[in-house]
Protein backbone atom coordinates (compact mmCIF):
# COMPACT_ATOMS: atom_id res chain seq x y z
CA UNK A 1 0.00 0.00 0.00
CA UNK A 2 2.83 2.55 0.42
CA UNK A 3 3.28 2.89 -3.35
CA UNK A 4 -0.47 3.23 -3.92
CA UNK A 5 -0.89 5.78 -1.13
CA UNK A 6 2.15 7.75 -2.25
CA UNK A 7 1.00 7.91 -5.86
CA UNK A 8 -2.49 9.02 -4.85
CA UNK A 9 -0.99 11.72 -2.61
CA UNK A 10 1.19 12.84 -5.52
CA UNK A 11 -1.86 13.22 -7.79
CA UNK A 12 -3.63 15.29 -5.13
CA UNK A 13 -0.59 17.54 -4.62
CA UNK A 14 -0.14 17.90 -8.40
CA UNK A 15 -3.81 18.88 -8.74
CA UNK A 16 -3.44 21.63 -6.14
CA UNK A 17 -0.18 22.93 -7.60
CA UNK A 18 -1.44 22.88 -11.19
CA UNK A 19 -4.65 24.66 -10.20
CA UNK A 20 -2.61 27.55 -8.82
CA UNK A 21 -0.44 27.63 -11.95
CA UNK A 22 -3.32 27.96 -14.43
CA UNK A 23 -5.97 29.83 -12.47
CA UNK A 24 -5.17 33.13 -14.22
CA UNK A 25 -5.98 31.47 -17.56
CA UNK A 26 -9.45 30.65 -16.19
CA UNK A 27 -8.64 26.92 -16.11
CA UNK A 28 -10.03 24.82 -13.28
CA UNK A 29 -8.26 21.66 -12.14
CA UNK A 30 -9.78 18.86 -10.07
CA UNK A 31 -9.16 15.21 -9.32
CA UNK A 32 -11.54 12.50 -8.22
CA UNK A 33 -10.59 9.79 -5.73
CA UNK A 34 -13.09 6.98 -6.11
CA UNK A 35 -13.07 3.93 -3.92
CA UNK A 36 -14.83 0.85 -5.21
CA UNK A 37 -17.24 1.51 -8.04
CA UNK A 38 -19.54 -1.17 -9.50
CA UNK A 39 -17.40 -1.96 -12.53
CA UNK A 40 -16.04 -5.09 -14.15
CA UNK A 41 -13.20 -5.05 -11.60
CA UNK A 42 -15.71 -5.51 -8.77
CA UNK A 43 -17.76 -8.03 -10.75
CA UNK A 44 -14.82 -10.41 -11.23
CA UNK A 45 -13.86 -10.40 -7.54
CA UNK A 46 -14.89 -13.33 -5.45
CA UNK A 47 -17.88 -12.85 -3.18
CA UNK A 48 -15.72 -13.10 -0.05
CA UNK A 49 -13.37 -10.37 -1.28
CA UNK A 50 -16.32 -8.14 -2.25
CA UNK A 51 -17.84 -8.54 1.22
CA UNK A 52 -14.55 -7.72 2.95
CA UNK A 53 -14.15 -4.55 0.89
CA UNK A 54 -17.81 -3.62 1.26
CA UNK A 55 -17.55 -3.90 5.04
CA UNK A 56 -15.06 -1.01 4.96
CA UNK A 57 -17.43 1.39 3.19
CA UNK A 58 -19.48 3.39 5.74
CA UNK A 59 -22.40 3.79 3.31
CA UNK A 60 -22.58 0.01 3.01
CA UNK A 61 -22.50 -0.18 -0.77
CA UNK A 62 -20.25 0.28 -3.77
CA UNK A 63 -20.46 3.42 -5.85
CA UNK A 64 -22.27 3.48 -9.17
CA UNK A 65 -20.71 4.58 -12.46
CA UNK A 66 -23.60 7.03 -12.81
CA UNK A 67 -22.47 8.72 -9.57
CA UNK A 68 -18.97 9.19 -10.96
CA UNK A 69 -20.46 10.54 -14.19
CA UNK A 70 -22.67 12.99 -12.26
CA UNK A 71 -19.66 14.36 -10.40
CA UNK A 72 -17.66 14.74 -13.62
CA UNK A 73 -20.65 16.42 -15.29
CA UNK A 74 -20.80 18.94 -12.44
CA UNK A 75 -17.04 19.58 -12.44
CA UNK A 76 -16.99 20.40 -16.17
CA UNK A 77 -20.17 22.47 -16.06
CA UNK A 78 -20.59 26.22 -15.63
CA UNK A 79 -22.12 25.48 -12.21
CA UNK A 80 -18.64 24.65 -10.94
CA UNK A 81 -17.11 28.07 -11.42
CA UNK A 82 -15.58 28.87 -8.02
CA UNK A 83 -13.85 25.64 -7.11
CA UNK A 84 -10.41 24.53 -8.18
CA UNK A 85 -7.55 22.47 -6.85
CA UNK A 86 -9.67 19.98 -4.97
CA UNK A 87 -9.72 16.24 -4.71
CA UNK A 88 -13.27 14.99 -4.65
CA UNK A 89 -13.62 11.92 -2.49
CA UNK A 90 -16.06 9.44 -3.98
CA UNK A 91 -15.74 6.62 -1.50
CA UNK A 92 -19.00 6.30 0.39
CA UNK A 93 -17.33 7.86 3.41
CA UNK A 94 -14.11 5.86 3.27
CA UNK A 95 -11.24 8.10 2.29
CA UNK A 96 -8.49 5.79 1.02
CA UNK A 97 -5.60 8.19 0.80
Foldseek 3Di string as FASTA:
>chain_A
DVVVVVVVVVVLVVQQVVQVVCVVVQDAGEAEDEDAEPDVVLVPDDPVVNVVSLVQQVQSDHHYPVVVVVVVVCCPDPVNRPDHSYYHYHYNPHDDD
